Every structure is written in structure tokens, then in C-alpha cells.
């Protein structure tokens, strides 16, 4: 599997995510940039998850149907043609960090994947739906980790 370089102008890898992106603040998705999507990519997709949540891994964003020619998402942007899935808050789209007050900093894993065929996911798809669609179909992946604490 090829490596996609995933980064954000909003925060550095393994560094704090700015509060404006938090669910109880402005709840705007962070800007993301990437390079190195493999040849043959039919679709890009993204999942953001917090494995440190008290009830188990918490999904913050599911985004599929990203055109393979894209190399960035602006802050708060969902490109035409992309579909947003359901997050752990039961909402469609970005649901920013909201760890319990007083918890140690939680980690938020942004994973951008390149698929060799269209995933054909609909709006409201879950992270598990996306993972199942990627099974045997993933050409490359990039990971960016942000941290957040309240």
C-alpha cells in the first residue's frame, strides 16, 4: 500500500487541534492537504476517529466520494460530489472534538484512503460501511493525528 502524505495548515501532526474546530465551539472541520495519491485512484475518502473516548472509538467524520484529483479540503468545505456520513453524535458531517472535561488529551486520527474503485456510499454512511467498502480496494493511505483536551 502506498503512503499518502496528509497534513493540515490548521495544526501539526501530533499537535493540538485549535478550539474553533471543537464540537462545543464553532465545530468547523479543519483544512487538510495531501499529496501522493496513487495512480489508479478512483475515489478518496476520509475518516476521523478518537480511539481514546471513554465508550470506545468515537467517529468524528466520515467523508467519501472525494474526486481523486483533489489535493486539499478548505476549512469547513465539503466538495461537490462528496458524501458525508454519520458521526458519533448522530449527525451528518464533521463533529469536532469534545472529550470529557478533565480527561487527558485525546488523539484524533484523520485517515485519508485512496480506493481503486468507486465506493458508492450514500449520505449517512457509517465508518464501518466505509471500511467494508474499502476492503481489498485500498491503494494508499495517509494519517494525521491531532490532539485535543478540555
C-alpha atoms as a PDB file:
ATOM      1  CA  UNK A   1       0.000   0.000   0.000  1.00  0.00           C
ATOM      2  CA  UNK A   2       1.316   3.421  -0.946  1.00  0.00           C
ATOM      3  CA  UNK A   3       1.722   6.253   1.540  1.00  0.00           C
ATOM      4  CA  UNK A   4      -0.232   9.469   1.073  1.00  0.00           C
ATOM      5  CA  UNK A   5       1.239  12.492   2.838  1.00  0.00           C
ATOM      6  CA  UNK A   6      -1.606  14.041   4.855  1.00  0.00           C
ATOM      7  CA  UNK A   7      -1.167  17.358   6.663  1.00  0.00           C
ATOM      8  CA  UNK A   8      -3.166  20.335   7.889  1.00  0.00           C
ATOM      9  CA  UNK A   9      -2.474  24.074   7.819  1.00  0.00           C
ATOM     10  CA  UNK A  10      -4.688  24.201  10.938  1.00  0.00           C
ATOM     11  CA  UNK A  11      -2.432  22.029  13.170  1.00  0.00           C
ATOM     12  CA  UNK A  12       0.744  19.939  13.006  1.00  0.00           C
ATOM     13  CA  UNK A  13       0.906  16.152  13.321  1.00  0.00           C
ATOM     14  CA  UNK A  14       0.532  15.093  16.982  1.00  0.00           C
ATOM     15  CA  UNK A  15      -0.130  18.716  17.998  1.00  0.00           C
ATOM     16  CA  UNK A  16      -3.262  20.372  19.452  1.00  0.00           C
ATOM     17  CA  UNK A  17      -6.278  20.933  17.226  1.00  0.00           C
ATOM     18  CA  UNK A  18      -7.403  24.594  17.558  1.00  0.00           C
ATOM     19  CA  UNK A  19     -10.516  25.033  19.755  1.00  0.00           C
ATOM     20  CA  UNK A  20     -12.551  26.529  16.889  1.00  0.00           C
ATOM     21  CA  UNK A  21     -12.810  23.009  15.422  1.00  0.00           C
ATOM     22  CA  UNK A  22     -14.337  21.584  18.641  1.00  0.00           C
ATOM     23  CA  UNK A  23     -17.936  20.385  18.710  1.00  0.00           C
ATOM     24  CA  UNK A  24     -18.870  22.809  21.510  1.00  0.00           C
ATOM     25  CA  UNK A  25     -17.217  25.759  19.765  1.00  0.00           C
ATOM     26  CA  UNK A  26     -17.502  26.674  16.051  1.00  0.00           C
ATOM     27  CA  UNK A  27     -17.492  22.982  15.027  1.00  0.00           C
ATOM     28  CA  UNK A  28     -15.836  23.730  11.681  1.00  0.00           C
ATOM     29  CA  UNK A  29     -13.820  20.963  10.031  1.00  0.00           C
ATOM     30  CA  UNK A  30     -10.085  21.664   9.780  1.00  0.00           C
ATOM     31  CA  UNK A  31      -8.347  22.350   6.484  1.00  0.00           C
ATOM     32  CA  UNK A  32      -6.482  19.324   5.130  1.00  0.00           C
ATOM     33  CA  UNK A  33      -3.895  18.957   2.365  1.00  0.00           C
ATOM     34  CA  UNK A  34      -2.340  15.868   0.829  1.00  0.00           C
ATOM     35  CA  UNK A  35      -0.045  14.585  -1.867  1.00  0.00           C
ATOM     36  CA  UNK A  36       0.921  11.200  -3.223  1.00  0.00           C
ATOM     37  CA  UNK A  37      -2.458   9.688  -4.115  1.00  0.00           C
ATOM     38  CA  UNK A  38      -1.537   6.578  -6.124  1.00  0.00           C
ATOM     39  CA  UNK A  39      -2.132   6.212  -9.858  1.00  0.00           C
ATOM     40  CA  UNK A  40      -5.398   4.391 -10.462  1.00  0.00           C
ATOM     41  CA  UNK A  41      -7.232   6.081  -7.583  1.00  0.00           C
ATOM     42  CA  UNK A  42     -10.953   6.179  -8.385  1.00  0.00           C
ATOM     43  CA  UNK A  43     -12.048   7.891  -5.175  1.00  0.00           C
ATOM     44  CA  UNK A  44     -10.616   9.346  -1.979  1.00  0.00           C
ATOM     45  CA  UNK A  45     -12.312   9.001   1.394  1.00  0.00           C
ATOM     46  CA  UNK A  46     -11.648  10.193   4.918  1.00  0.00           C
ATOM     47  CA  UNK A  47     -12.435   9.037   8.442  1.00  0.00           C
ATOM     48  CA  UNK A  48     -11.610  10.884  11.664  1.00  0.00           C
ATOM     49  CA  UNK A  49     -11.806   8.882  14.899  1.00  0.00           C
ATOM     50  CA  UNK A  50     -10.909   9.254  18.583  1.00  0.00           C
ATOM     51  CA  UNK A  51      -9.688   5.898  19.980  1.00  0.00           C
ATOM     52  CA  UNK A  52      -9.370   7.432  23.478  1.00  0.00           C
ATOM     53  CA  UNK A  53     -13.103   8.057  24.013  1.00  0.00           C
ATOM     54  CA  UNK A  54     -14.459   6.523  27.259  1.00  0.00           C
ATOM     55  CA  UNK A  55     -17.017   4.349  25.426  1.00  0.00           C
ATOM     56  CA  UNK A  56     -14.585   3.102  22.768  1.00  0.00           C
ATOM     57  CA  UNK A  57     -13.562   4.587  19.425  1.00  0.00           C
ATOM     58  CA  UNK A  58     -15.715   7.617  18.587  1.00  0.00           C
ATOM     59  CA  UNK A  59     -16.270   8.647  14.962  1.00  0.00           C
ATOM     60  CA  UNK A  60     -15.933  12.383  14.231  1.00  0.00           C
ATOM     61  CA  UNK A  61     -16.125  12.450  10.427  1.00  0.00           C
ATOM     62  CA  UNK A  62     -16.888  10.135   7.524  1.00  0.00           C
ATOM     63  CA  UNK A  63     -16.356  11.651   4.082  1.00  0.00           C
ATOM     64  CA  UNK A  64     -16.465   9.664   0.831  1.00  0.00           C
ATOM     65  CA  UNK A  65     -16.728  10.342  -2.879  1.00  0.00           C
ATOM     66  CA  UNK A  66     -13.814  12.775  -2.973  1.00  0.00           C
ATOM     67  CA  UNK A  67     -12.555  13.343  -6.509  1.00  0.00           C
ATOM     68  CA  UNK A  68      -9.090  11.755  -6.886  1.00  0.00           C
ATOM     69  CA  UNK A  69      -7.749  14.972  -8.455  1.00  0.00           C
ATOM     70  CA  UNK A  70      -8.322  16.896  -5.187  1.00  0.00           C
ATOM     71  CA  UNK A  71      -5.282  17.700  -3.060  1.00  0.00           C
ATOM     72  CA  UNK A  72      -6.935  19.722  -0.289  1.00  0.00           C
ATOM     73  CA  UNK A  73     -10.085  20.498   1.674  1.00  0.00           C
ATOM     74  CA  UNK A  74     -10.603  24.060   2.823  1.00  0.00           C
ATOM     75  CA  UNK A  75     -11.751  24.634   6.375  1.00  0.00           C
ATOM     76  CA  UNK A  76     -15.431  23.690   6.637  1.00  0.00           C
ATOM     77  CA  UNK A  77     -15.517  22.564   2.988  1.00  0.00           C
ATOM     78  CA  UNK A  78     -17.327  19.551   1.558  1.00  0.00           C
ATOM     79  CA  UNK A  79     -16.605  19.401  -2.178  1.00  0.00           C
ATOM     80  CA  UNK A  80     -19.336  18.891  -4.756  1.00  0.00           C
ATOM     81  CA  UNK A  81     -19.942  15.193  -5.267  1.00  0.00           C
ATOM     82  CA  UNK A  82     -18.639  14.160  -1.854  1.00  0.00           C
ATOM     83  CA  UNK A  83     -20.940  12.491   0.675  1.00  0.00           C
ATOM     84  CA  UNK A  84     -20.784  12.894   4.429  1.00  0.00           C
ATOM     85  CA  UNK A  85     -21.529  10.006   6.712  1.00  0.00           C
ATOM     86  CA  UNK A  86     -22.906   9.917  10.225  1.00  0.00           C
ATOM     87  CA  UNK A  87     -20.609  10.755  13.138  1.00  0.00           C
ATOM     88  CA  UNK A  88     -20.760   9.525  16.724  1.00  0.00           C
ATOM     89  CA  UNK A  89     -23.009  12.434  17.710  1.00  0.00           C
ATOM     90  CA  UNK A  90     -25.653  11.025  15.343  1.00  0.00           C
ATOM     91  CA  UNK A  91     -25.168  13.962  12.977  1.00  0.00           C
ATOM     92  CA  UNK A  92     -24.092  14.005   9.338  1.00  0.00           C
ATOM     93  CA  UNK A  93     -20.760  15.647   8.669  1.00  0.00           C
ATOM     94  CA  UNK A  94     -17.983  16.901  10.904  1.00  0.00           C
ATOM     95  CA  UNK A  95     -18.459  16.553  14.640  1.00  0.00           C
ATOM     96  CA  UNK A  96     -15.466  18.159  16.293  1.00  0.00           C
ATOM     97  CA  UNK A  97     -13.544  17.043  19.357  1.00  0.00           C
ATOM     98  CA  UNK A  98     -15.447  17.013  22.644  1.00  0.00           C
ATOM     99  CA  UNK A  99     -13.592  14.837  25.146  1.00  0.00           C
ATOM    100  CA  UNK A 100     -14.889  14.780  28.718  1.00  0.00           C
ATOM    101  CA  UNK A 101     -13.605  17.785  30.719  1.00  0.00           C
ATOM    102  CA  UNK A 102     -10.578  16.807  32.779  1.00  0.00           C
ATOM    103  CA  UNK A 103      -9.608  13.819  30.595  1.00  0.00           C
ATOM    104  CA  UNK A 104      -6.045  13.598  29.380  1.00  0.00           C
ATOM    105  CA  UNK A 105      -5.669  14.826  25.795  1.00  0.00           C
ATOM    106  CA  UNK A 106      -7.453  12.591  23.293  1.00  0.00           C
ATOM    107  CA  UNK A 107      -5.955  11.650  19.930  1.00  0.00           C
ATOM    108  CA  UNK A 108      -7.889  12.289  16.711  1.00  0.00           C
ATOM    109  CA  UNK A 109      -6.780  10.132  13.782  1.00  0.00           C
ATOM    110  CA  UNK A 110      -7.544  11.574  10.341  1.00  0.00           C
ATOM    111  CA  UNK A 111      -7.133   8.790   7.770  1.00  0.00           C
ATOM    112  CA  UNK A 112      -7.321   9.575   4.067  1.00  0.00           C
ATOM    113  CA  UNK A 113      -7.607   6.497   1.842  1.00  0.00           C
ATOM    114  CA  UNK A 114      -7.358   6.022  -1.914  1.00  0.00           C
ATOM    115  CA  UNK A 115      -9.773   3.480  -3.381  1.00  0.00           C
ATOM    116  CA  UNK A 116      -9.201   1.623  -6.650  1.00  0.00           C
ATOM    117  CA  UNK A 117     -12.940   1.623  -7.473  1.00  0.00           C
ATOM    118  CA  UNK A 118     -15.884   3.869  -6.563  1.00  0.00           C
ATOM    119  CA  UNK A 119     -17.182   3.078  -3.068  1.00  0.00           C
ATOM    120  CA  UNK A 120     -20.771   4.080  -3.894  1.00  0.00           C
ATOM    121  CA  UNK A 121     -21.540   5.127  -0.330  1.00  0.00           C
ATOM    122  CA  UNK A 122     -24.604   7.223   0.369  1.00  0.00           C
ATOM    123  CA  UNK A 123     -25.067  10.161   2.702  1.00  0.00           C
ATOM    124  CA  UNK A 124     -25.214   8.992   6.300  1.00  0.00           C
ATOM    125  CA  UNK A 125     -22.886   6.004   5.754  1.00  0.00           C
ATOM    126  CA  UNK A 126     -21.043   4.833   8.851  1.00  0.00           C
ATOM    127  CA  UNK A 127     -17.302   4.441   9.336  1.00  0.00           C
ATOM    128  CA  UNK A 128     -17.877   0.670   9.288  1.00  0.00           C
ATOM    129  CA  UNK A 129     -19.684   0.993   5.930  1.00  0.00           C
ATOM    130  CA  UNK A 130     -16.679   2.880   4.583  1.00  0.00           C
ATOM    131  CA  UNK A 131     -14.183   0.328   5.933  1.00  0.00           C
ATOM    132  CA  UNK A 132     -16.210  -2.537   4.413  1.00  0.00           C
ATOM    133  CA  UNK A 133     -16.311  -0.776   1.020  1.00  0.00           C
ATOM    134  CA  UNK A 134     -12.519  -0.244   1.166  1.00  0.00           C
ATOM    135  CA  UNK A 135     -11.819  -3.925   1.925  1.00  0.00           C
ATOM    136  CA  UNK A 136      -9.496  -5.216  -0.800  1.00  0.00           C
ATOM    137  CA  UNK A 137      -9.873  -1.883  -2.607  1.00  0.00           C
ATOM    138  CA  UNK A 138      -7.404   0.399  -0.780  1.00  0.00           C
ATOM    139  CA  UNK A 139      -4.423   1.586  -2.815  1.00  0.00           C
ATOM    140  CA  UNK A 140      -2.925   4.025  -0.318  1.00  0.00           C
ATOM    141  CA  UNK A 141      -3.439   5.775   2.990  1.00  0.00           C
ATOM    142  CA  UNK A 142      -2.236   8.816   4.871  1.00  0.00           C
ATOM    143  CA  UNK A 143      -2.675   9.520   8.574  1.00  0.00           C
ATOM    144  CA  UNK A 144      -2.582  12.758  10.534  1.00  0.00           C
ATOM    145  CA  UNK A 145      -3.071  12.844  14.300  1.00  0.00           C
ATOM    146  CA  UNK A 146      -4.308  15.860  16.243  1.00  0.00           C
ATOM    147  CA  UNK A 147      -4.800  16.078  19.984  1.00  0.00           C
ATOM    148  CA  UNK A 148      -7.450  17.914  21.992  1.00  0.00           C
ATOM    149  CA  UNK A 149      -8.178  18.397  25.671  1.00  0.00           C
ATOM    150  CA  UNK A 150     -10.861  20.372  27.523  1.00  0.00           C
END
